[in-house]
Amino acid sequence: MALYIRDPEVDLLVAEVQRLTGTATKTEAVKNALKKEIAAAEAELPLAERIKALQERAARLGFVHNPDIDMKAFMDEQWGEI
């Protein structure tokens, strides 16, 4: 199925990508740009996975999560505001 885009700005963007990447055709420039965008989107970890990785790193550093701690009181004490 053919793709036809009638947008002057898109045409300028494709021409710039083509020039910067040295691709032979606009079709090749668009195809390469879309492949890179798809790869970047697939490589991005979901927020839950990024948080899990940070929690695992903190655990390796010796941080122990205590759900009973009052973080407001703790931070106030650290700042000398008690």
N, C-alpha and C. Protein backbone atom coordinates (compact mmCIF):
# COMPACT_ATOMS: atom_id res chain seq x y z
N MET A 1 0.83 -1.17 0.00
CA MET A 1 0.00 0.00 0.00
C MET A 1 0.88 1.24 0.00
N ALA A 2 0.57 2.19 -0.82
CA ALA A 2 1.37 3.40 -0.96
C ALA A 2 1.06 4.40 0.14
N LEU A 3 2.05 5.19 0.47
CA LEU A 3 1.90 6.27 1.44
C LEU A 3 2.17 7.57 0.70
N TYR A 4 1.23 8.47 0.78
CA TYR A 4 1.41 9.75 0.10
C TYR A 4 1.09 10.84 1.10
N ILE A 5 2.07 11.68 1.39
CA ILE A 5 1.90 12.75 2.38
C ILE A 5 2.04 14.08 1.67
N ARG A 6 1.02 14.88 1.78
CA ARG A 6 1.02 16.19 1.14
C ARG A 6 1.20 17.27 2.20
N ASP A 7 2.38 17.35 2.73
CA ASP A 7 2.69 18.33 3.76
C ASP A 7 4.08 18.88 3.48
N PRO A 8 4.17 20.17 3.16
CA PRO A 8 5.47 20.76 2.81
C PRO A 8 6.51 20.64 3.94
N GLU A 9 6.06 20.74 5.19
CA GLU A 9 7.01 20.63 6.31
C GLU A 9 7.59 19.22 6.37
N VAL A 10 6.75 18.21 6.18
CA VAL A 10 7.23 16.82 6.18
C VAL A 10 8.22 16.62 5.04
N ASP A 11 7.93 17.19 3.90
CA ASP A 11 8.84 17.08 2.76
C ASP A 11 10.20 17.68 3.09
N LEU A 12 10.20 18.84 3.76
CA LEU A 12 11.48 19.47 4.15
C LEU A 12 12.21 18.61 5.18
N LEU A 13 11.46 18.06 6.12
CA LEU A 13 12.09 17.20 7.14
C LEU A 13 12.71 15.96 6.51
N VAL A 14 12.00 15.35 5.59
CA VAL A 14 12.52 14.15 4.93
C VAL A 14 13.76 14.50 4.12
N ALA A 15 13.72 15.63 3.44
CA ALA A 15 14.89 16.06 2.66
C ALA A 15 16.09 16.29 3.57
N GLU A 16 15.85 16.86 4.76
CA GLU A 16 16.94 17.09 5.71
C GLU A 16 17.50 15.77 6.24
N VAL A 17 16.61 14.83 6.57
CA VAL A 17 17.07 13.51 7.02
C VAL A 17 17.86 12.83 5.90
N GLN A 18 17.37 12.94 4.70
CA GLN A 18 18.05 12.33 3.55
C GLN A 18 19.44 12.92 3.39
N ARG A 19 19.55 14.25 3.51
CA ARG A 19 20.85 14.92 3.37
C ARG A 19 21.80 14.51 4.49
N LEU A 20 21.30 14.51 5.74
CA LEU A 20 22.15 14.22 6.89
C LEU A 20 22.62 12.76 6.93
N THR A 21 21.76 11.86 6.47
CA THR A 21 22.11 10.45 6.53
C THR A 21 22.72 9.93 5.23
N GLY A 22 22.66 10.73 4.19
CA GLY A 22 23.24 10.32 2.91
C GLY A 22 22.47 9.22 2.21
N THR A 23 21.18 9.13 2.50
CA THR A 23 20.37 8.11 1.83
C THR A 23 20.07 8.53 0.40
N ALA A 24 19.89 7.53 -0.44
CA ALA A 24 19.71 7.79 -1.87
C ALA A 24 18.33 8.34 -2.21
N THR A 25 17.31 7.91 -1.46
CA THR A 25 15.94 8.32 -1.79
C THR A 25 15.21 8.77 -0.53
N LYS A 26 14.14 9.51 -0.75
CA LYS A 26 13.30 9.92 0.37
C LYS A 26 12.64 8.70 1.01
N THR A 27 12.27 7.75 0.21
CA THR A 27 11.65 6.53 0.73
C THR A 27 12.60 5.83 1.70
N GLU A 28 13.85 5.72 1.31
CA GLU A 28 14.85 5.08 2.16
C GLU A 28 15.05 5.89 3.44
N ALA A 29 15.06 7.22 3.34
CA ALA A 29 15.23 8.08 4.50
C ALA A 29 14.08 7.90 5.48
N VAL A 30 12.85 7.86 4.96
CA VAL A 30 11.68 7.67 5.82
C VAL A 30 11.71 6.29 6.45
N LYS A 31 12.03 5.27 5.67
CA LYS A 31 12.06 3.91 6.18
C LYS A 31 13.08 3.78 7.32
N ASN A 32 14.27 4.32 7.13
CA ASN A 32 15.32 4.24 8.15
C ASN A 32 14.92 5.02 9.41
N ALA A 33 14.33 6.20 9.21
CA ALA A 33 13.90 7.01 10.36
C ALA A 33 12.82 6.30 11.15
N LEU A 34 11.87 5.68 10.46
CA LEU A 34 10.80 4.96 11.15
C LEU A 34 11.33 3.74 11.88
N LYS A 35 12.27 3.02 11.28
CA LYS A 35 12.88 1.87 11.96
C LYS A 35 13.60 2.30 13.23
N LYS A 36 14.32 3.43 13.16
CA LYS A 36 15.02 3.92 14.35
C LYS A 36 14.04 4.34 15.43
N GLU A 37 12.94 4.96 15.04
CA GLU A 37 11.93 5.39 16.01
C GLU A 37 11.27 4.19 16.68
N ILE A 38 10.98 3.17 15.91
CA ILE A 38 10.38 1.94 16.45
C ILE A 38 11.36 1.28 17.42
N ALA A 39 12.63 1.19 17.04
CA ALA A 39 13.64 0.57 17.91
C ALA A 39 13.79 1.36 19.21
N ALA A 40 13.76 2.68 19.12
CA ALA A 40 13.89 3.50 20.33
C ALA A 40 12.68 3.31 21.24
N ALA A 41 11.50 3.24 20.67
CA ALA A 41 10.29 3.05 21.47
C ALA A 41 10.29 1.67 22.12
N GLU A 42 10.74 0.66 21.41
CA GLU A 42 10.78 -0.69 21.97
C GLU A 42 11.86 -0.82 23.04
N ALA A 43 12.92 -0.05 22.92
CA ALA A 43 14.02 -0.13 23.88
C ALA A 43 13.71 0.58 25.19
N GLU A 44 12.74 1.50 25.16
CA GLU A 44 12.40 2.23 26.37
C GLU A 44 11.65 1.33 27.34
N LEU A 45 12.17 1.23 28.53
CA LEU A 45 11.55 0.39 29.55
C LEU A 45 10.33 1.10 30.13
N PRO A 46 9.29 0.35 30.43
CA PRO A 46 8.14 0.94 31.11
C PRO A 46 8.55 1.47 32.49
N LEU A 47 7.79 2.43 33.00
CA LEU A 47 8.10 3.05 34.28
C LEU A 47 8.24 2.02 35.40
N ALA A 48 7.35 1.05 35.45
CA ALA A 48 7.40 0.05 36.51
C ALA A 48 8.72 -0.72 36.48
N GLU A 49 9.21 -1.03 35.28
CA GLU A 49 10.48 -1.76 35.17
C GLU A 49 11.66 -0.87 35.56
N ARG A 50 11.60 0.43 35.21
CA ARG A 50 12.69 1.34 35.60
C ARG A 50 12.72 1.49 37.12
N ILE A 51 11.54 1.60 37.74
CA ILE A 51 11.49 1.72 39.20
C ILE A 51 12.01 0.45 39.86
N LYS A 52 11.62 -0.71 39.32
CA LYS A 52 12.08 -1.97 39.89
C LYS A 52 13.61 -2.06 39.83
N ALA A 53 14.19 -1.64 38.72
CA ALA A 53 15.65 -1.67 38.58
C ALA A 53 16.30 -0.75 39.61
N LEU A 54 15.72 0.42 39.85
CA LEU A 54 16.27 1.34 40.86
C LEU A 54 16.13 0.76 42.26
N GLN A 55 15.00 0.11 42.52
CA GLN A 55 14.81 -0.52 43.83
C GLN A 55 15.81 -1.64 44.05
N GLU A 56 16.08 -2.43 43.03
CA GLU A 56 17.06 -3.51 43.15
C GLU A 56 18.46 -2.94 43.38
N ARG A 57 18.77 -1.85 42.71
CA ARG A 57 20.08 -1.21 42.90
C ARG A 57 20.20 -0.68 44.32
N ALA A 58 19.14 -0.05 44.82
CA ALA A 58 19.16 0.47 46.19
C ALA A 58 19.32 -0.67 47.19
N ALA A 59 18.67 -1.80 46.93
CA ALA A 59 18.79 -2.95 47.83
C ALA A 59 20.22 -3.46 47.85
N ARG A 60 20.88 -3.49 46.69
CA ARG A 60 22.28 -3.94 46.64
C ARG A 60 23.19 -2.99 47.41
N LEU A 61 22.81 -1.72 47.50
CA LEU A 61 23.60 -0.73 48.23
C LEU A 61 23.30 -0.76 49.72
N GLY A 62 22.33 -1.58 50.13
CA GLY A 62 22.04 -1.73 51.54
C GLY A 62 20.80 -1.01 52.01
N PHE A 63 20.09 -0.35 51.13
CA PHE A 63 18.86 0.33 51.53
C PHE A 63 17.77 -0.69 51.80
N VAL A 64 17.14 -0.57 52.95
CA VAL A 64 16.05 -1.46 53.30
C VAL A 64 14.78 -0.62 53.37
N HIS A 65 13.79 -0.98 52.59
CA HIS A 65 12.53 -0.24 52.57
C HIS A 65 11.74 -0.52 53.85
N ASN A 66 11.34 0.54 54.52
CA ASN A 66 10.54 0.42 55.73
C ASN A 66 9.24 1.21 55.52
N PRO A 67 8.13 0.52 55.26
CA PRO A 67 6.88 1.22 54.99
C PRO A 67 6.33 1.97 56.20
N ASP A 68 6.86 1.69 57.39
CA ASP A 68 6.35 2.32 58.61
C ASP A 68 7.03 3.65 58.92
N ILE A 69 8.07 4.02 58.18
CA ILE A 69 8.80 5.25 58.47
C ILE A 69 7.97 6.46 58.04
N ASP A 70 8.00 7.49 58.86
CA ASP A 70 7.33 8.74 58.55
C ASP A 70 8.34 9.65 57.85
N MET A 71 8.29 9.65 56.53
CA MET A 71 9.28 10.40 55.75
C MET A 71 9.22 11.90 56.02
N LYS A 72 8.04 12.44 56.31
CA LYS A 72 7.91 13.87 56.60
C LYS A 72 8.70 14.20 57.86
N ALA A 73 8.49 13.42 58.91
CA ALA A 73 9.21 13.66 60.16
C ALA A 73 10.71 13.46 59.97
N PHE A 74 11.09 12.44 59.23
CA PHE A 74 12.49 12.17 58.96
C PHE A 74 13.14 13.35 58.24
N MET A 75 12.51 13.84 57.19
CA MET A 75 13.08 14.96 56.42
C MET A 75 13.11 16.23 57.25
N ASP A 76 12.06 16.45 58.05
CA ASP A 76 12.07 17.64 58.93
C ASP A 76 13.24 17.57 59.89
N GLU A 77 13.50 16.37 60.43
CA GLU A 77 14.62 16.21 61.35
C GLU A 77 15.94 16.46 60.63
N GLN A 78 16.08 15.99 59.42
CA GLN A 78 17.30 16.18 58.66
C GLN A 78 17.57 17.67 58.39
N TRP A 79 16.51 18.42 58.18
CA TRP A 79 16.64 19.85 57.90
C TRP A 79 16.63 20.70 59.19
N GLY A 80 16.56 20.02 60.34
CA GLY A 80 16.59 20.75 61.61
C GLY A 80 15.30 21.50 61.87
N GLU A 81 14.20 21.00 61.36
CA GLU A 81 12.92 21.70 61.50
C GLU A 81 12.00 21.02 62.51
N ILE A 82 12.58 20.38 63.52
CA ILE A 82 11.72 19.73 64.52
C ILE A 82 11.66 20.55 65.79
